[in-house]
PDB file of N, CA and C in Angstrom:
ATOM      1  N   MET A   1     113.109 144.685  -3.154  1.00  0.00           N
ATOM      2  CA  MET A   1     112.818 144.301  -1.857  1.00  0.00           C
ATOM      3  C   MET A   1     113.799 142.216  -1.738  1.00  0.00           C
ATOM      4  N   SER A   2     114.754 142.812  -0.881  1.00  0.00           N
ATOM      5  CA  SER A   2     115.382 141.450  -0.623  1.00  0.00           C
ATOM      6  C   SER A   2     115.008 140.268  -0.061  1.00  0.00           C
ATOM      7  N   PRO A   3     115.291 138.756  -0.799  1.00  0.00           N
ATOM      8  CA  PRO A   3     114.308 137.262  -0.507  1.00  0.00           C
ATOM      9  C   PRO A   3     114.305 137.612   1.317  1.00  0.00           C
ATOM     10  N   SER A   4     115.214 138.136   1.751  1.00  0.00           N
ATOM     11  CA  SER A   4     115.086 138.120   4.018  1.00  0.00           C
ATOM     12  C   SER A   4     114.447 139.429   4.512  1.00  0.00           C
ATOM     13  N   ALA A   5     113.962 140.504   3.431  1.00  0.00           N
ATOM     14  CA  ALA A   5     113.020 141.114   3.060  1.00  0.00           C
ATOM     15  C   ALA A   5     111.322 140.668   3.247  1.00  0.00           C
ATOM     16  N   LYS A   6     111.180 139.914   2.088  1.00  0.00           N
ATOM     17  CA  LYS A   6     110.059 139.484   1.598  1.00  0.00           C
ATOM     18  C   LYS A   6     109.916 138.247   2.504  1.00  0.00           C
ATOM     19  N   SER A   7     110.482 137.810   3.134  1.00  0.00           N
ATOM     20  CA  SER A   7     110.556 136.722   4.397  1.00  0.00           C
ATOM     21  C   SER A   7     109.900 137.222   5.613  1.00  0.00           C
ATOM     22  N   GLU A   8     110.698 138.238   5.887  1.00  0.00           N
ATOM     23  CA  GLU A   8     110.056 138.626   7.070  1.00  0.00           C
ATOM     24  C   GLU A   8     108.666 139.043   7.011  1.00  0.00           C
ATOM     25  N   LYS A   9     108.294 139.821   6.278  1.00  0.00           N
ATOM     26  CA  LYS A   9     107.008 140.778   6.340  1.00  0.00           C
ATOM     27  C   LYS A   9     106.311 139.575   5.738  1.00  0.00           C
ATOM     28  N   LYS A  10     106.887 138.602   5.273  1.00  0.00           N
ATOM     29  CA  LYS A  10     105.809 137.027   5.661  1.00  0.00           C
ATOM     30  C   LYS A  10     105.338 136.554   7.041  1.00  0.00           C
ATOM     31  N   HIS A  11     106.317 136.526   7.658  1.00  0.00           N
ATOM     32  CA  HIS A  11     106.584 135.789   9.139  1.00  0.00           C
ATOM     33  C   HIS A  11     105.972 137.033   9.737  1.00  0.00           C
ATOM     34  N   PHE A  12     105.313 138.850   9.325  1.00  0.00           N
ATOM     35  CA  PHE A  12     105.198 139.393  10.038  1.00  0.00           C
ATOM     36  C   PHE A  12     103.364 139.234   9.925  1.00  0.00           C
ATOM     37  N   ARG A  13     102.568 138.917   8.662  1.00  0.00           N
ATOM     38  CA  ARG A  13     101.666 139.212   8.291  1.00  0.00           C
ATOM     39  C   ARG A  13     101.137 137.521   8.696  1.00  0.00           C
ATOM     40  N   GLU A  14     102.219 136.168   8.813  1.00  0.00           N
ATOM     41  CA  GLU A  14     101.360 135.256   9.940  1.00  0.00           C
ATOM     42  C   GLU A  14     101.253 135.372  10.808  1.00  0.00           C
ATOM     43  N   LEU A  15     102.293 136.335  11.910  1.00  0.00           N
ATOM     44  CA  LEU A  15     101.768 136.604  13.119  1.00  0.00           C
ATOM     45  C   LEU A  15     100.718 137.400  13.358  1.00  0.00           C
ATOM     46  N   SER A  16     100.500 138.660  12.400  1.00  0.00           N
ATOM     47  CA  SER A  16      99.260 138.983  12.420  1.00  0.00           C
ATOM     48  C   SER A  16      98.164 138.180  12.800  1.00  0.00           C
ATOM     49  N   ASP A  17      98.277 137.769  11.557  1.00  0.00           N
ATOM     50  CA  ASP A  17      96.785 137.112  11.121  1.00  0.00           C
ATOM     51  C   ASP A  17      96.327 136.185  12.802  1.00  0.00           C
ATOM     52  N   ARG A  18      97.741 135.509  13.150  1.00  0.00           N
ATOM     53  CA  ARG A  18      97.327 134.970  14.298  1.00  0.00           C
ATOM     54  C   ARG A  18      97.159 135.416  15.544  1.00  0.00           C
ATOM     55  N   CYS A  19      97.013 136.592  15.763  1.00  0.00           N
ATOM     56  CA  CYS A  19      96.805 137.775  16.495  1.00  0.00           C
ATOM     57  C   CYS A  19      95.682 137.795  16.327  1.00  0.00           C
ATOM     58  N   TYR A  20      94.914 138.436  14.800  1.00  0.00           N
ATOM     59  CA  TYR A  20      93.650 138.555  14.691  1.00  0.00           C
ATOM     60  C   TYR A  20      93.134 137.485  15.100  1.00  0.00           C
ATOM     61  N   GLU A  21      93.115 135.920  14.987  1.00  0.00           N
ATOM     62  CA  GLU A  21      92.701 135.262  14.911  1.00  0.00           C
ATOM     63  C   GLU A  21      92.279 134.982  16.626  1.00  0.00           C
ATOM     64  N   ILE A  22      93.326 134.933  16.965  1.00  0.00           N
ATOM     65  CA  ILE A  22      92.904 135.008  18.785  1.00  0.00           C
ATOM     66  C   ILE A  22      92.170 136.016  19.827  1.00  0.00           C
ATOM     67  N   GLU A  23      92.091 137.340  18.458  1.00  0.00           N
ATOM     68  CA  GLU A  23      91.630 138.154  19.726  1.00  0.00           C
ATOM     69  C   GLU A  23      89.928 137.821  19.231  1.00  0.00           C
ATOM     70  N   MET A  24      89.589 137.492  17.755  1.00  0.00           N
ATOM     71  CA  MET A  24      88.362 137.210  17.408  1.00  0.00           C
ATOM     72  C   MET A  24      87.869 136.083  17.987  1.00  0.00           C
ATOM     73  N   SER A  25      88.649 134.969  18.297  1.00  0.00           N
ATOM     74  CA  SER A  25      88.262 133.942  19.534  1.00  0.00           C
ATOM     75  C   SER A  25      87.484 134.393  20.311  1.00  0.00           C
ATOM     76  N   GLU A  26      88.442 135.055  20.735  1.00  0.00           N
ATOM     77  CA  GLU A  26      88.254 135.091  22.151  1.00  0.00           C
ATOM     78  C   GLU A  26      86.513 136.612  22.434  1.00  0.00           C
ATOM     79  N   ALA A  27      87.236 137.653  21.511  1.00  0.00           N
ATOM     80  CA  ALA A  27      85.183 138.035  21.066  1.00  0.00           C
ATOM     81  C   ALA A  27      83.859 136.966  20.965  1.00  0.00           C
ATOM     82  N   LEU A  28      84.413 135.723  20.278  1.00  0.00           N
ATOM     83  CA  LEU A  28      83.642 135.106  20.056  1.00  0.00           C
ATOM     84  C   LEU A  28      83.146 134.048  21.009  1.00  0.00           C
ATOM     85  N   GLU A  29      84.048 133.657  21.906  1.00  0.00           N
ATOM     86  CA  GLU A  29      83.855 132.861  23.124  1.00  0.00           C
ATOM     87  C   GLU A  29      82.854 133.724  23.723  1.00  0.00           C
ATOM     88  N   TYR A  30      83.085 134.888  24.456  1.00  0.00           N
ATOM     89  CA  TYR A  30      82.186 135.741  24.995  1.00  0.00           C
ATOM     90  C   TYR A  30      81.177 136.089  25.098  1.00  0.00           C
ATOM     91  N   LEU A  31      80.783 136.028  23.491  1.00  0.00           N
ATOM     92  CA  LEU A  31      79.525 136.067  23.037  1.00  0.00           C
ATOM     93  C   LEU A  31      78.540 134.443  22.821  1.00  0.00           C
ATOM     94  N   TYR A  32      79.386 133.542  22.742  1.00  0.00           N
ATOM     95  CA  TYR A  32      78.760 131.971  22.196  1.00  0.00           C
ATOM     96  C   TYR A  32      78.612 132.367  23.974  1.00  0.00           C
ATOM     97  N   GLY A  33      79.027 132.878  25.148  1.00  0.00           N
ATOM     98  CA  GLY A  33      78.808 132.325  26.620  1.00  0.00           C
ATOM     99  C   GLY A  33      77.019 132.970  27.026  1.00  0.00           C
ATOM    100  N   HIS A  34      77.205 134.403  26.014  1.00  0.00           N
ATOM    101  CA  HIS A  34      75.793 134.971  25.940  1.00  0.00           C
ATOM    102  C   HIS A  34      74.620 134.191  25.354  1.00  0.00           C
ATOM    103  N   PHE A  35      75.205 133.134  24.484  1.00  0.00           N
ATOM    104  CA  PHE A  35      74.048 132.479  23.232  1.00  0.00           C
ATOM    105  C   PHE A  35      73.679 130.956  24.590  1.00  0.00           C
ATOM    106  N   GLN A  36      73.971 130.637  25.092  1.00  0.00           N
ATOM    107  CA  GLN A  36      74.500 129.578  25.776  1.00  0.00           C
ATOM    108  C   GLN A  36      73.000 130.047  27.160  1.00  0.00           C
ATOM    109  N   LYS A  37      73.132 131.445  27.632  1.00  0.00           N
ATOM    110  CA  LYS A  37      72.943 132.049  28.715  1.00  0.00           C
ATOM    111  C   LYS A  37      71.224 132.051  28.227  1.00  0.00           C
ATOM    112  N   TRP A  38      71.400 132.328  26.905  1.00  0.00           N
ATOM    113  CA  TRP A  38      69.893 132.800  26.398  1.00  0.00           C
ATOM    114  C   TRP A  38      69.518 130.956  26.456  1.00  0.00           C
ATOM    115  N   LYS A  39      70.109 130.664  25.750  1.00  0.00           N
ATOM    116  CA  LYS A  39      69.245 128.822  25.210  1.00  0.00           C
ATOM    117  C   LYS A  39      69.023 128.705  26.778  1.00  0.00           C
ATOM    118  N   ASN A  40      69.539 128.991  28.103  1.00  0.00           N
ATOM    119  CA  ASN A  40      69.016 128.643  29.501  1.00  0.00           C
ATOM    120  C   ASN A  40      68.150 129.188  29.515  1.00  0.00           C
ATOM    121  N   LYS A  41      67.834 130.389  29.531  1.00  0.00           N
ATOM    122  CA  LYS A  41      66.717 131.474  29.839  1.00  0.00           C
ATOM    123  C   LYS A  41      67.172 132.355  30.610  1.00  0.00           C
ATOM    124  N   GLU A  42      68.377 132.297  31.053  1.00  0.00           N
ATOM    125  CA  GLU A  42      69.241 133.317  32.010  1.00  0.00           C
ATOM    126  C   GLU A  42      69.015 134.978  31.156  1.00  0.00           C
ATOM    127  N   ILE A  43      69.261 134.814  30.107  1.00  0.00           N
ATOM    128  CA  ILE A  43      68.746 136.399  29.234  1.00  0.00           C
ATOM    129  C   ILE A  43      67.528 136.154  28.038  1.00  0.00           C
ATOM    130  N   THR A  44      67.069 137.235  28.063  1.00  0.00           N
ATOM    131  CA  THR A  44      66.291 137.540  26.861  1.00  0.00           C
ATOM    132  C   THR A  44      66.870 137.479  25.099  1.00  0.00           C
ATOM    133  N   ILE A  45      65.984 137.347  24.674  1.00  0.00           N
ATOM    134  CA  ILE A  45      66.383 137.366  23.204  1.00  0.00           C
ATOM    135  C   ILE A  45      66.836 138.424  22.768  1.00  0.00           C
ATOM    136  N   TRP A  46      65.581 139.540  22.949  1.00  0.00           N
ATOM    137  CA  TRP A  46      66.242 141.232  22.983  1.00  0.00           C
ATOM    138  C   TRP A  46      67.826 141.600  23.817  1.00  0.00           C
ATOM    139  N   GLU A  47      68.303 140.924  24.904  1.00  0.00           N
ATOM    140  CA  GLU A  47      69.179 141.389  25.588  1.00  0.00           C
ATOM    141  C   GLU A  47      70.810 140.654  24.984  1.00  0.00           C
ATOM    142  N   LEU A  48      70.336 139.383  24.305  1.00  0.00           N
ATOM    143  CA  LEU A  48      71.139 138.785  23.180  1.00  0.00           C
ATOM    144  C   LEU A  48      71.382 139.310  22.196  1.00  0.00           C
ATOM    145  N   ASN A  49      70.336 139.532  21.541  1.00  0.00           N
ATOM    146  CA  ASN A  49      70.408 140.866  20.065  1.00  0.00           C
ATOM    147  C   ASN A  49      70.782 141.709  20.700  1.00  0.00           C
ATOM    148  N   GLU A  50      70.875 142.424  21.360  1.00  0.00           N
ATOM    149  CA  GLU A  50      71.862 143.672  22.318  1.00  0.00           C
ATOM    150  C   GLU A  50      73.234 143.566  21.982  1.00  0.00           C
ATOM    151  N   LEU A  51      73.881 142.129  22.120  1.00  0.00           N
ATOM    152  CA  LEU A  51      75.467 141.979  22.319  1.00  0.00           C
ATOM    153  C   LEU A  51      75.717 141.875  21.426  1.00  0.00           C
ATOM    154  N   ILE A  52      75.302 140.782  20.326  1.00  0.00           N
ATOM    155  CA  ILE A  52      75.382 140.831  18.507  1.00  0.00           C
ATOM    156  C   ILE A  52      75.611 142.334  18.337  1.00  0.00           C
ATOM    157  N   HIS A  53      74.951 142.959  18.722  1.00  0.00           N
ATOM    158  CA  HIS A  53      74.919 143.937  17.885  1.00  0.00           C
ATOM    159  C   HIS A  53      75.974 144.839  18.192  1.00  0.00           C
ATOM    160  N   GLN A  54      76.564 145.189  19.819  1.00  0.00           N
ATOM    161  CA  GLN A  54      77.768 145.430  20.156  1.00  0.00           C
ATOM    162  C   GLN A  54      78.946 145.009  19.844  1.00  0.00           C
ATOM    163  N   HIS A  55      78.516 143.565  19.571  1.00  0.00           N
ATOM    164  CA  HIS A  55      79.673 142.478  18.991  1.00  0.00           C
ATOM    165  C   HIS A  55      80.244 143.266  17.635  1.00  0.00           C
ATOM    166  N   HIS A  56      79.181 143.358  16.687  1.00  0.00           N
ATOM    167  CA  HIS A  56      79.292 143.511  15.507  1.00  0.00           C
ATOM    168  C   HIS A  56      80.241 145.510  15.460  1.00  0.00           C
ATOM    169  N   ASP A  57      79.126 146.052  15.787  1.00  0.00           N
ATOM    170  CA  ASP A  57      79.732 147.440  16.035  1.00  0.00           C
ATOM    171  C   ASP A  57      80.878 147.989  16.406  1.00  0.00           C
ATOM    172  N   GLY A  58      81.195 147.209  17.537  1.00  0.00           N
ATOM    173  CA  GLY A  58      81.772 147.559  17.841  1.00  0.00           C
ATOM    174  C   GLY A  58      83.032 146.582  18.249  1.00  0.00           C
ATOM    175  N   THR A  59      83.432 145.688  18.578  1.00  0.00           N
ATOM    176  CA  THR A  59      84.699 144.960  19.101  1.00  0.00           C
ATOM    177  C   THR A  59      84.757 143.941  17.317  1.00  0.00           C
ATOM    178  N   ALA A  60      84.386 143.558  16.730  1.00  0.00           N
ATOM    179  CA  ALA A  60      84.464 142.836  15.235  1.00  0.00           C
ATOM    180  C   ALA A  60      85.437 144.319  14.829  1.00  0.00           C
ATOM    181  N   ARG A  61      84.179 144.980  14.361  1.00  0.00           N
ATOM    182  CA  ARG A  61      84.502 146.502  13.621  1.00  0.00           C
ATOM    183  C   ARG A  61      86.278 146.937  14.239  1.00  0.00           C
ATOM    184  N   SER A  62      86.257 147.099  15.558  1.00  0.00           N
ATOM    185  CA  SER A  62      87.481 147.814  16.047  1.00  0.00           C
ATOM    186  C   SER A  62      88.501 146.411  15.109  1.00  0.00           C
ATOM    187  N   LEU A  63      88.759 145.430  15.515  1.00  0.00           N
ATOM    188  CA  LEU A  63      89.453 144.660  15.249  1.00  0.00           C
ATOM    189  C   LEU A  63      89.476 144.523  13.505  1.00  0.00           C
ATOM    190  N   TYR A  64      88.338 144.506  13.251  1.00  0.00           N
ATOM    191  CA  TYR A  64      88.841 144.725  11.405  1.00  0.00           C
ATOM    192  C   TYR A  64      89.682 145.856  11.182  1.00  0.00           C
ATOM    193  N   SER A  65      89.205 146.805  11.826  1.00  0.00           N
ATOM    194  CA  SER A  65      90.021 148.221  11.785  1.00  0.00           C
ATOM    195  C   SER A  65      91.786 148.096  11.821  1.00  0.00           C
ATOM    196  N   PHE A  66      91.916 147.432  12.959  1.00  0.00           N
ATOM    197  CA  PHE A  66      93.135 147.053  13.043  1.00  0.00           C
ATOM    198  C   PHE A  66      93.674 146.253  12.121  1.00  0.00           C
ATOM    199  N   TYR A  67      93.709 145.395  12.128  1.00  0.00           N
ATOM    200  CA  TYR A  67      94.030 144.365  11.477  1.00  0.00           C
ATOM    201  C   TYR A  67      94.134 144.562   9.859  1.00  0.00           C
ATOM    202  N   GLU A  68      92.343 144.658   9.559  1.00  0.00           N
ATOM    203  CA  GLU A  68      93.016 144.983   8.378  1.00  0.00           C
ATOM    204  C   GLU A  68      93.150 146.044   7.306  1.00  0.00           C
ATOM    205  N   ARG A  69      91.958 147.391   7.878  1.00  0.00           N
ATOM    206  CA  ARG A  69      92.337 148.694   7.091  1.00  0.00           C
ATOM    207  C   ARG A  69      93.616 148.976   7.070  1.00  0.00           C
ATOM    208  N   ILE A  70      93.990 148.940   8.487  1.00  0.00           N
ATOM    209  CA  ILE A  70      95.285 149.627   8.677  1.00  0.00           C
ATOM    210  C   ILE A  70      96.273 148.943   8.365  1.00  0.00           C
ATOM    211  N   ASN A  71      96.436 147.725   8.366  1.00  0.00           N
ATOM    212  CA  ASN A  71      97.665 146.575   7.244  1.00  0.00           C
ATOM    213  C   ASN A  71      98.674 146.971   8.024  1.00  0.00           C
ATOM    214  N   ASP A  72      99.080 146.964   8.953  1.00  0.00           N
ATOM    215  CA  ASP A  72     100.590 147.432   9.395  1.00  0.00           C
ATOM    216  C   ASP A  72     100.951 145.939  10.549  1.00  0.00           C
ATOM    217  N   PRO A  73     101.339 144.966   9.359  1.00  0.00           N
ATOM    218  CA  PRO A  73     101.064 143.603  10.369  1.00  0.00           C
ATOM    219  C   PRO A  73     102.677 143.764  11.366  1.00  0.00           C
ATOM    220  N   LYS A  74     103.838 144.367  11.625  1.00  0.00           N
ATOM    221  CA  LYS A  74     104.630 145.469  12.450  1.00  0.00           C
ATOM    222  C   LYS A  74     103.648 145.581  13.731  1.00  0.00           C
ATOM    223  N   ALA A  75     102.713 146.009  13.275  1.00  0.00           N
ATOM    224  CA  ALA A  75     101.567 146.909  14.747  1.00  0.00           C
ATOM    225  C   ALA A  75     101.002 146.142  15.384  1.00  0.00           C
ATOM    226  N   ALA A  76     100.272 145.016  14.710  1.00  0.00           N
ATOM    227  CA  ALA A  76     100.196 143.989  14.994  1.00  0.00           C
ATOM    228  C   ALA A  76     100.821 143.102  15.934  1.00  0.00           C
ATOM    229  N   VAL A  77     102.156 142.682  15.534  1.00  0.00           N
ATOM    230  CA  VAL A  77     103.033 141.864  16.139  1.00  0.00           C
ATOM    231  C   VAL A  77     103.054 142.741  17.363  1.00  0.00           C
ATOM    232  N   ALA A  78     103.543 143.845  17.038  1.00  0.00           N
ATOM    233  CA  ALA A  78     103.946 144.289  18.331  1.00  0.00           C
ATOM    234  C   ALA A  78     102.368 144.579  19.693  1.00  0.00           C
ATOM    235  N   LYS A  79     101.523 144.883  19.224  1.00  0.00           N
ATOM    236  CA  LYS A  79     100.389 144.880  20.222  1.00  0.00           C
ATOM    237  C   LYS A  79      99.733 142.985  20.662  1.00  0.00           C
ATOM    238  N   GLY A  80     100.343 142.042  20.019  1.00  0.00           N
ATOM    239  CA  GLY A  80     100.091 141.429  20.422  1.00  0.00           C
ATOM    240  C   GLY A  80     101.097 140.384  21.109  1.00  0.00           C
ATOM    241  N   ILE A  81     102.737 140.828  21.389  1.00  0.00           N
ATOM    242  CA  ILE A  81     103.321 141.117  22.475  1.00  0.00           C
ATOM    243  C   ILE A  81     102.991 141.668  23.750  1.00  0.00           C
ATOM    244  N   SER A  82     102.496 142.916  23.100  1.00  0.00           N
ATOM    245  CA  SER A  82     102.487 143.404  24.222  1.00  0.00           C
ATOM    246  C   SER A  82     101.108 142.939  25.042  1.00  0.00           C
ATOM    247  N   LYS A  83     100.331 142.520  24.283  1.00  0.00           N
ATOM    248  CA  LYS A  83      98.512 141.869  24.968  1.00  0.00           C
ATOM    249  C   LYS A  83      99.125 140.615  25.811  1.00  0.00           C
ATOM    250  N   GLY A  84     100.144 139.510  25.531  1.00  0.00           N
ATOM    251  CA  GLY A  84     100.651 138.341  25.298  1.00  0.00           C
ATOM    252  C   GLY A  84     100.187 137.093  24.772  1.00  0.00           C
ATOM    253  N   ILE A  85      99.653 137.682  24.206  1.00  0.00           N
ATOM    254  CA  ILE A  85      98.988 137.152  22.339  1.00  0.00           C
ATOM    255  C   ILE A  85     100.393 136.218  21.798  1.00  0.00           C
ATOM    256  N   LEU A  86     101.372 136.852  21.904  1.00  0.00           N
ATOM    257  CA  LEU A  86     102.421 136.102  21.859  1.00  0.00           C
ATOM    258  C   LEU A  86     103.570 136.805  22.078  1.00  0.00           C
ATOM    259  N   LYS A  87     104.662 135.685  21.682  1.00  0.00           N
ATOM    260  CA  LYS A  87     105.827 136.153  22.866  1.00  0.00           C
ATOM    261  C   LYS A  87     107.262 136.915  21.790  1.00  0.00           C
ATOM    262  N   ILE A  88     107.850 137.750  22.348  1.00  0.00           N
ATOM    263  CA  ILE A  88     109.167 138.165  21.680  1.00  0.00           C
ATOM    264  C   ILE A  88     109.878 136.826  20.802  1.00  0.00           C
ATOM    265  N   GLU A  89     109.808 135.830  21.162  1.00  0.00           N
ATOM    266  CA  GLU A  89     110.470 134.827  20.595  1.00  0.00           C
ATOM    267  C   GLU A  89     109.763 134.018  19.495  1.00  0.00           C
ATOM    268  N   ASP A  90     109.007 134.706  19.174  1.00  0.00           N
ATOM    269  CA  ASP A  90     107.994 133.952  18.146  1.00  0.00           C
ATOM    270  C   ASP A  90     108.409 135.115  16.633  1.00  0.00           C
ATOM    271  N   VAL A  91     108.974 136.727  17.270  1.00  0.00           N
ATOM    272  CA  VAL A  91     109.313 137.092  16.347  1.00  0.00           C
ATOM    273  C   VAL A  91     111.541 136.753  16.044  1.00  0.00           C
ATOM    274  N   PRO A  92     111.314 136.733  14.601  1.00  0.00           N
ATOM    275  CA  PRO A  92     112.818 136.192  14.089  1.00  0.00           C
ATOM    276  C   PRO A  92     114.191 137.545  15.211  1.00  0.00           C
ATOM    277  N   GLU A  93     114.829 136.867  15.669  1.00  0.00           N
ATOM    278  CA  GLU A  93     115.727 137.817  16.495  1.00  0.00           C
ATOM    279  C   GLU A  93     116.261 138.556  16.038  1.00  0.00           C
ATOM    280  N   GLU A  94     116.860 139.077  14.765  1.00  0.00           N
ATOM    281  CA  GLU A  94     116.943 139.765  14.011  1.00  0.00           C
ATOM    282  C   GLU A  94     115.752 141.152  13.416  1.00  0.00           C
ATOM    283  N   SER A  95     115.381 141.015  14.363  1.00  0.00           N
ATOM    284  CA  SER A  95     113.506 142.169  14.081  1.00  0.00           C
ATOM    285  C   SER A  95     113.293 142.351  14.875  1.00  0.00           C
ATOM    286  N   ARG A  96     113.451 142.022  16.409  1.00  0.00           N
ATOM    287  CA  ARG A  96     113.268 142.449  17.832  1.00  0.00           C
ATOM    288  C   ARG A  96     113.335 143.426  17.628  1.00  0.00           C
ATOM    289  N   ARG A  97     114.440 144.289  17.428  1.00  0.00           N
ATOM    290  CA  ARG A  97     114.996 145.545  18.092  1.00  0.00           C
ATOM    291  C   ARG A  97     113.923 146.491  17.436  1.00  0.00           C
ATOM    292  N   SER A  98     113.541 146.421  15.688  1.00  0.00           N
ATOM    293  CA  SER A  98     112.655 146.405  15.127  1.00  0.00           C
ATOM    294  C   SER A  98     110.968 147.093  15.955  1.00  0.00           C
ATOM    295  N   LEU A  99     111.091 146.466  16.826  1.00  0.00           N
ATOM    296  CA  LEU A  99     109.302 146.311  17.800  1.00  0.00           C
ATOM    297  C   LEU A  99     109.435 146.730  18.828  1.00  0.00           C
ATOM    298  N   GLU A 100     110.372 147.434  19.497  1.00  0.00           N
ATOM    299  CA  GLU A 100     110.609 147.380  20.922  1.00  0.00           C
ATOM    300  C   GLU A 100     109.644 148.618  21.234  1.00  0.00           C
ATOM    301  N   ARG A 101     109.755 150.029  20.204  1.00  0.00           N
ATOM    302  CA  ARG A 101     109.127 150.968  20.484  1.00  0.00           C
ATOM    303  C   ARG A 101     107.811 150.990  20.511  1.00  0.00           C
ATOM    304  N   LEU A 102     107.526 150.203  19.774  1.00  0.00           N
ATOM    305  CA  LEU A 102     106.105 149.573  19.098  1.00  0.00           C
ATOM    306  C   LEU A 102     104.936 148.946  20.296  1.00  0.00           C
ATOM    307  N   VAL A 103     105.556 147.814  20.866  1.00  0.00           N
ATOM    308  CA  VAL A 103     105.230 147.072  21.574  1.00  0.00           C
ATOM    309  C   VAL A 103     105.169 147.830  22.980  1.00  0.00           C
ATOM    310  N   GLU A 104     106.253 148.562  23.688  1.00  0.00           N
ATOM    311  CA  GLU A 104     106.331 149.782  24.900  1.00  0.00           C
ATOM    312  C   GLU A 104     104.832 150.884  24.381  1.00  0.00           C
ATOM    313  N   TYR A 105     104.413 151.110  23.009  1.00  0.00           N
ATOM    314  CA  TYR A 105     103.810 152.418  22.712  1.00  0.00           C
ATOM    315  C   TYR A 105     102.420 151.797  23.130  1.00  0.00           C
ATOM    316  N   PHE A 106     102.429 150.323  22.953  1.00  0.00           N
ATOM    317  CA  PHE A 106     100.980 149.688  23.276  1.00  0.00           C
ATOM    318  C   PHE A 106     100.795 149.440  24.476  1.00  0.00           C
ATOM    319  N   LYS A 107     102.143 148.678  24.994  1.00  0.00           N
ATOM    320  CA  LYS A 107     101.841 148.821  26.660  1.00  0.00           C
ATOM    321  C   LYS A 107     101.085 149.981  27.398  1.00  0.00           C
ATOM    322  N   ASN A 108     101.665 150.830  26.697  1.00  0.00           N
ATOM    323  CA  ASN A 108     101.253 152.043  27.513  1.00  0.00           C
ATOM    324  C   ASN A 108      99.595 152.379  27.919  1.00  0.00           C
ATOM    325  N   ASN A 109      99.523 152.007  26.630  1.00  0.00           N
ATOM    326  CA  ASN A 109      98.153 152.633  25.761  1.00  0.00           C
ATOM    327  C   ASN A 109      97.207 151.633  25.454  1.00  0.00           C
ATOM    328  N   GLN A 110      97.446 150.817  26.481  1.00  0.00           N
ATOM    329  CA  GLN A 110      96.067 150.096  26.829  1.00  0.00           C
ATOM    330  C   GLN A 110      95.247 149.878  27.576  1.00  0.00           C
TER     331      GLN A 110
END
């Protein structure tokens, strides 16, 4: 693998990690809001417990599967661009063309 290919791969991995972190942060912010509702006695502990369960078995598992199990940083970056998490300018210019089809795929399948 050439040095520039290694550098590109590393950059895609870093961008993929950033997307994962942002998506998980958003999901946890949502859950955190429900913890506050519970503390304010707006929902029961059982409702909060169900939301935690849904987060773990739904959102967290889905994000883990996409970002860790599939382990395709280019796809993750394309998804991030399609969702507005990243900008195309975050990707080196010479790599942008290879993402076009993937970005379109994720835009059409969200």
